[in-house]
PDB file of N, CA and C in Angstrom:
ATOM      1  N   MET A   1       0.843  -1.177   0.000  1.00  0.00           N
ATOM      2  CA  MET A   1       0.000   0.000   0.000  1.00  0.00           C
ATOM      3  C   MET A   1       0.888   1.239   0.000  1.00  0.00           C
ATOM      4  N   GLU A   2       0.516   2.226  -0.823  1.00  0.00           N
ATOM      5  CA  GLU A   2       1.277   3.459  -0.938  1.00  0.00           C
ATOM      6  C   GLU A   2       0.836   4.439   0.153  1.00  0.00           C
ATOM      7  N   THR A   3       1.801   5.111   0.792  1.00  0.00           N
ATOM      8  CA  THR A   3       1.454   6.105   1.802  1.00  0.00           C
ATOM      9  C   THR A   3       1.660   7.489   1.229  1.00  0.00           C
ATOM     10  N   THR A   4       0.913   8.430   1.737  1.00  0.00           N
ATOM     11  CA  THR A   4       1.040   9.813   1.293  1.00  0.00           C
ATOM     12  C   THR A   4       1.186  10.711   2.506  1.00  0.00           C
ATOM     13  N   ASP A   5       1.616  11.964   2.263  1.00  0.00           N
ATOM     14  CA  ASP A   5       1.774  12.924   3.345  1.00  0.00           C
ATOM     15  C   ASP A   5       0.433  13.413   3.861  1.00  0.00           C
ATOM     16  N   VAL A   6      -0.571  13.403   3.028  1.00  0.00           N
ATOM     17  CA  VAL A   6      -1.883  13.915   3.406  1.00  0.00           C
ATOM     18  C   VAL A   6      -2.843  12.749   3.584  1.00  0.00           C
ATOM     19  N   GLN A   7      -3.392  12.608   4.766  1.00  0.00           N
ATOM     20  CA  GLN A   7      -4.384  11.573   5.025  1.00  0.00           C
ATOM     21  C   GLN A   7      -5.714  12.039   4.457  1.00  0.00           C
ATOM     22  N   SER A   8      -6.526  11.121   3.989  1.00  0.00           N
ATOM     23  CA  SER A   8      -7.790  11.498   3.363  1.00  0.00           C
ATOM     24  C   SER A   8      -8.714  12.225   4.334  1.00  0.00           C
ATOM     25  N   ASP A   9      -8.645  11.911   5.637  1.00  0.00           N
ATOM     26  CA  ASP A   9      -9.508  12.608   6.591  1.00  0.00           C
ATOM     27  C   ASP A   9      -8.992  14.009   6.902  1.00  0.00           C
ATOM     28  N   ASP A  10      -7.807  14.358   6.422  1.00  0.00           N
ATOM     29  CA  ASP A  10      -7.246  15.694   6.590  1.00  0.00           C
ATOM     30  C   ASP A  10      -7.732  16.631   5.494  1.00  0.00           C
ATOM     31  N   LEU A  11      -8.313  16.093   4.436  1.00  0.00           N
ATOM     32  CA  LEU A  11      -8.733  16.924   3.318  1.00  0.00           C
ATOM     33  C   LEU A  11     -10.060  17.614   3.607  1.00  0.00           C
ATOM     34  N   VAL A  12     -10.123  18.864   3.213  1.00  0.00           N
ATOM     35  CA  VAL A  12     -11.341  19.663   3.342  1.00  0.00           C
ATOM     36  C   VAL A  12     -11.828  19.942   1.934  1.00  0.00           C
ATOM     37  N   TRP A  13     -13.025  19.485   1.616  1.00  0.00           N
ATOM     38  CA  TRP A  13     -13.578  19.617   0.270  1.00  0.00           C
ATOM     39  C   TRP A  13     -14.622  20.717   0.223  1.00  0.00           C
ATOM     40  N   GLY A  14     -14.467  21.645  -0.696  1.00  0.00           N
ATOM     41  CA  GLY A  14     -15.437  22.709  -0.916  1.00  0.00           C
ATOM     42  C   GLY A  14     -15.040  24.014  -0.246  1.00  0.00           C
ATOM     43  N   ALA A  15     -15.307  25.105  -0.937  1.00  0.00           N
ATOM     44  CA  ALA A  15     -14.940  26.428  -0.428  1.00  0.00           C
ATOM     45  C   ALA A  15     -15.666  26.751   0.876  1.00  0.00           C
ATOM     46  N   ASN A  16     -16.918  26.311   1.006  1.00  0.00           N
ATOM     47  CA  ASN A  16     -17.671  26.596   2.229  1.00  0.00           C
ATOM     48  C   ASN A  16     -17.046  25.904   3.436  1.00  0.00           C
ATOM     49  N   ALA A  17     -16.613  24.666   3.260  1.00  0.00           N
ATOM     50  CA  ALA A  17     -15.968  23.929   4.350  1.00  0.00           C
ATOM     51  C   ALA A  17     -14.615  24.555   4.692  1.00  0.00           C
ATOM     52  N   ILE A  18     -13.888  25.000   3.677  1.00  0.00           N
ATOM     53  CA  ILE A  18     -12.613  25.682   3.903  1.00  0.00           C
ATOM     54  C   ILE A  18     -12.848  26.958   4.691  1.00  0.00           C
ATOM     55  N   ALA A  19     -13.909  27.687   4.358  1.00  0.00           N
ATOM     56  CA  ALA A  19     -14.245  28.924   5.079  1.00  0.00           C
ATOM     57  C   ALA A  19     -14.463  28.649   6.560  1.00  0.00           C
ATOM     58  N   ARG A  20     -15.131  27.555   6.884  1.00  0.00           N
ATOM     59  CA  ARG A  20     -15.366  27.214   8.290  1.00  0.00           C
ATOM     60  C   ARG A  20     -14.060  26.899   9.005  1.00  0.00           C
ATOM     61  N   VAL A  21     -13.140  26.217   8.328  1.00  0.00           N
ATOM     62  CA  VAL A  21     -11.859  25.862   8.946  1.00  0.00           C
ATOM     63  C   VAL A  21     -11.032  27.112   9.257  1.00  0.00           C
ATOM     64  N   ILE A  22     -11.030  28.074   8.321  1.00  0.00           N
ATOM     65  CA  ILE A  22     -10.193  29.265   8.513  1.00  0.00           C
ATOM     66  C   ILE A  22     -10.952  30.416   9.170  1.00  0.00           C
ATOM     67  N   ASN A  23     -12.215  30.152   9.534  1.00  0.00           N
ATOM     68  CA  ASN A  23     -13.035  31.141  10.239  1.00  0.00           C
ATOM     69  C   ASN A  23     -13.169  32.451   9.465  1.00  0.00           C
ATOM     70  N   ARG A  24     -13.487  32.324   8.185  1.00  0.00           N
ATOM     71  CA  ARG A  24     -13.731  33.472   7.311  1.00  0.00           C
ATOM     72  C   ARG A  24     -15.113  33.298   6.686  1.00  0.00           C
ATOM     73  N   THR A  25     -15.643  34.365   6.107  1.00  0.00           N
ATOM     74  CA  THR A  25     -16.917  34.248   5.405  1.00  0.00           C
ATOM     75  C   THR A  25     -16.694  33.499   4.098  1.00  0.00           C
ATOM     76  N   ASP A  26     -17.780  33.007   3.527  1.00  0.00           N
ATOM     77  CA  ASP A  26     -17.685  32.326   2.230  1.00  0.00           C
ATOM     78  C   ASP A  26     -17.110  33.273   1.184  1.00  0.00           C
ATOM     79  N   ARG A  27     -17.587  34.516   1.187  1.00  0.00           N
ATOM     80  CA  ARG A  27     -17.122  35.496   0.199  1.00  0.00           C
ATOM     81  C   ARG A  27     -15.618  35.748   0.341  1.00  0.00           C
ATOM     82  N   GLN A  28     -15.144  35.945   1.568  1.00  0.00           N
ATOM     83  CA  GLN A  28     -13.710  36.165   1.788  1.00  0.00           C
ATOM     84  C   GLN A  28     -12.906  34.965   1.308  1.00  0.00           C
ATOM     85  N   THR A  29     -13.411  33.789   1.613  1.00  0.00           N
ATOM     86  CA  THR A  29     -12.704  32.562   1.248  1.00  0.00           C
ATOM     87  C   THR A  29     -12.648  32.380  -0.261  1.00  0.00           C
ATOM     88  N   PHE A  30     -13.773  32.599  -0.966  1.00  0.00           N
ATOM     89  CA  PHE A  30     -13.768  32.507  -2.425  1.00  0.00           C
ATOM     90  C   PHE A  30     -12.744  33.466  -3.020  1.00  0.00           C
ATOM     91  N   HIS A  31     -12.692  34.684  -2.498  1.00  0.00           N
ATOM     92  CA  HIS A  31     -11.727  35.667  -2.997  1.00  0.00           C
ATOM     93  C   HIS A  31     -10.294  35.179  -2.765  1.00  0.00           C
ATOM     94  N   MET A  32     -10.022  34.687  -1.564  1.00  0.00           N
ATOM     95  CA  MET A  32      -8.671  34.210  -1.245  1.00  0.00           C
ATOM     96  C   MET A  32      -8.295  33.012  -2.117  1.00  0.00           C
ATOM     97  N   LEU A  33      -9.240  32.122  -2.361  1.00  0.00           N
ATOM     98  CA  LEU A  33      -8.970  30.955  -3.203  1.00  0.00           C
ATOM     99  C   LEU A  33      -8.686  31.387  -4.639  1.00  0.00           C
ATOM    100  N   ASP A  34      -9.527  32.249  -5.183  1.00  0.00           N
ATOM    101  CA  ASP A  34      -9.345  32.711  -6.561  1.00  0.00           C
ATOM    102  C   ASP A  34      -8.051  33.486  -6.745  1.00  0.00           C
ATOM    103  N   ALA A  35      -7.619  34.189  -5.700  1.00  0.00           N
ATOM    104  CA  ALA A  35      -6.385  34.975  -5.762  1.00  0.00           C
ATOM    105  C   ALA A  35      -5.139  34.122  -5.490  1.00  0.00           C
ATOM    106  N   GLY A  36      -5.343  32.845  -5.143  1.00  0.00           N
ATOM    107  CA  GLY A  36      -4.205  31.968  -4.867  1.00  0.00           C
ATOM    108  C   GLY A  36      -3.556  32.234  -3.525  1.00  0.00           C
ATOM    109  N   GLU A  37      -4.297  32.813  -2.603  1.00  0.00           N
ATOM    110  CA  GLU A  37      -3.745  33.167  -1.295  1.00  0.00           C
ATOM    111  C   GLU A  37      -3.819  32.037  -0.271  1.00  0.00           C
ATOM    112  N   LEU A  38      -4.530  30.988  -0.600  1.00  0.00           N
ATOM    113  CA  LEU A  38      -4.662  29.853   0.317  1.00  0.00           C
ATOM    114  C   LEU A  38      -4.008  28.613  -0.291  1.00  0.00           C
ATOM    115  N   PRO A  39      -3.462  27.742   0.566  1.00  0.00           N
ATOM    116  CA  PRO A  39      -2.848  26.502   0.072  1.00  0.00           C
ATOM    117  C   PRO A  39      -3.930  25.480  -0.301  1.00  0.00           C
ATOM    118  N   ALA A  40      -4.535  25.697  -1.477  1.00  0.00           N
ATOM    119  CA  ALA A  40      -5.618  24.818  -1.936  1.00  0.00           C
ATOM    120  C   ALA A  40      -5.512  24.634  -3.441  1.00  0.00           C
ATOM    121  N   LYS A  41      -6.197  23.603  -3.935  1.00  0.00           N
ATOM    122  CA  LYS A  41      -6.224  23.313  -5.373  1.00  0.00           C
ATOM    123  C   LYS A  41      -7.665  23.089  -5.794  1.00  0.00           C
ATOM    124  N   LYS A  42      -7.904  23.306  -7.054  1.00  0.00           N
ATOM    125  CA  LYS A  42      -9.215  23.012  -7.614  1.00  0.00           C
ATOM    126  C   LYS A  42      -9.134  21.646  -8.284  1.00  0.00           C
ATOM    127  N   VAL A  43      -9.983  20.732  -7.862  1.00  0.00           N
ATOM    128  CA  VAL A  43     -10.007  19.372  -8.395  1.00  0.00           C
ATOM    129  C   VAL A  43     -11.417  19.100  -8.906  1.00  0.00           C
ATOM    130  N   GLY A  44     -11.526  18.903 -10.198  1.00  0.00           N
ATOM    131  CA  GLY A  44     -12.830  18.632 -10.787  1.00  0.00           C
ATOM    132  C   GLY A  44     -13.839  19.738 -10.527  1.00  0.00           C
ATOM    133  N   GLY A  45     -13.380  20.968 -10.525  1.00  0.00           N
ATOM    134  CA  GLY A  45     -14.273  22.095 -10.303  1.00  0.00           C
ATOM    135  C   GLY A  45     -14.586  22.379  -8.847  1.00  0.00           C
ATOM    136  N   ARG A  46     -13.952  21.645  -7.943  1.00  0.00           N
ATOM    137  CA  ARG A  46     -14.217  21.809  -6.514  1.00  0.00           C
ATOM    138  C   ARG A  46     -12.908  22.080  -5.783  1.00  0.00           C
ATOM    139  N   TRP A  47     -12.925  23.024  -4.843  1.00  0.00           N
ATOM    140  CA  TRP A  47     -11.728  23.343  -4.079  1.00  0.00           C
ATOM    141  C   TRP A  47     -11.462  22.272  -3.035  1.00  0.00           C
ATOM    142  N   VAL A  48     -10.188  21.956  -2.851  1.00  0.00           N
ATOM    143  CA  VAL A  48      -9.776  20.997  -1.822  1.00  0.00           C
ATOM    144  C   VAL A  48      -8.493  21.503  -1.181  1.00  0.00           C
ATOM    145  N   ALA A  49      -8.393  21.304   0.130  1.00  0.00           N
ATOM    146  CA  ALA A  49      -7.207  21.745   0.860  1.00  0.00           C
ATOM    147  C   ALA A  49      -6.941  20.797   2.017  1.00  0.00           C
ATOM    148  N   SER A  50      -5.714  20.803   2.467  1.00  0.00           N
ATOM    149  CA  SER A  50      -5.340  20.046   3.651  1.00  0.00           C
ATOM    150  C   SER A  50      -5.646  20.897   4.883  1.00  0.00           C
ATOM    151  N   ARG A  51      -6.378  20.331   5.826  1.00  0.00           N
ATOM    152  CA  ARG A  51      -6.699  21.043   7.068  1.00  0.00           C
ATOM    153  C   ARG A  51      -5.410  21.483   7.763  1.00  0.00           C
ATOM    154  N   LYS A  52      -4.422  20.602   7.781  1.00  0.00           N
ATOM    155  CA  LYS A  52      -3.144  20.907   8.429  1.00  0.00           C
ATOM    156  C   LYS A  52      -2.470  22.116   7.766  1.00  0.00           C
ATOM    157  N   LYS A  53      -2.445  22.143   6.445  1.00  0.00           N
ATOM    158  CA  LYS A  53      -1.804  23.263   5.741  1.00  0.00           C
ATOM    159  C   LYS A  53      -2.576  24.559   5.918  1.00  0.00           C
ATOM    160  N   LEU A  54      -3.905  24.482   5.959  1.00  0.00           N
ATOM    161  CA  LEU A  54      -4.702  25.678   6.211  1.00  0.00           C
ATOM    162  C   LEU A  54      -4.395  26.258   7.589  1.00  0.00           C
ATOM    163  N   LEU A  55      -4.319  25.389   8.591  1.00  0.00           N
ATOM    164  CA  LEU A  55      -4.029  25.858   9.944  1.00  0.00           C
ATOM    165  C   LEU A  55      -2.612  26.408  10.048  1.00  0.00           C
ATOM    166  N   GLU A  56      -1.659  25.777   9.378  1.00  0.00           N
ATOM    167  CA  GLU A  56      -0.290  26.298   9.349  1.00  0.00           C
ATOM    168  C   GLU A  56      -0.277  27.684   8.691  1.00  0.00           C
ATOM    169  N   PHE A  57      -1.049  27.853   7.637  1.00  0.00           N
ATOM    170  CA  PHE A  57      -1.144  29.147   6.957  1.00  0.00           C
ATOM    171  C   PHE A  57      -1.674  30.206   7.923  1.00  0.00           C
ATOM    172  N   LEU A  58      -2.713  29.872   8.676  1.00  0.00           N
ATOM    173  CA  LEU A  58      -3.298  30.834   9.607  1.00  0.00           C
ATOM    174  C   LEU A  58      -2.345  31.196  10.734  1.00  0.00           C
ATOM    175  N   ILE A  59      -1.612  30.221  11.225  1.00  0.00           N
ATOM    176  CA  ILE A  59      -0.642  30.484  12.293  1.00  0.00           C
ATOM    177  C   ILE A  59       0.439  31.424  11.779  1.00  0.00           C
ATOM    178  N   GLY A  60       0.904  31.207  10.552  1.00  0.00           N
ATOM    179  CA  GLY A  60       1.913  32.074   9.960  1.00  0.00           C
ATOM    180  C   GLY A  60       1.372  33.476   9.723  1.00  0.00           C
ATOM    181  N   GLU A  61       0.087  33.574   9.360  1.00  0.00           N
ATOM    182  CA  GLU A  61      -0.552  34.871   9.121  1.00  0.00           C
ATOM    183  C   GLU A  61      -0.666  35.663  10.420  1.00  0.00           C
ATOM    184  N   ALA A  62      -0.879  34.977  11.524  1.00  0.00           N
ATOM    185  CA  ALA A  62      -1.063  35.638  12.816  1.00  0.00           C
ATOM    186  C   ALA A  62       0.260  36.083  13.420  1.00  0.00           C
ATOM    187  N   ALA A  63       1.347  35.478  12.989  1.00  0.00           N
ATOM    188  CA  ALA A  63       2.664  35.800  13.574  1.00  0.00           C
ATOM    189  C   ALA A  63       3.167  37.154  13.155  1.00  0.00           C
TER     190      ALA A  63
END
């Protein structure tokens, strides 16, 4: 079995779910995603991000 750095339960699917993780509004999150400001990718028309990377991003933003 192949292992990866990102566990499937660590993935956050959808901009609305990402907004809840980073405690931003949906509108703010869509803007940040479209501007490439968040560590996320679009897969099949849907945004996906690692919860761990999102939290690391927020910690770095607060510093």
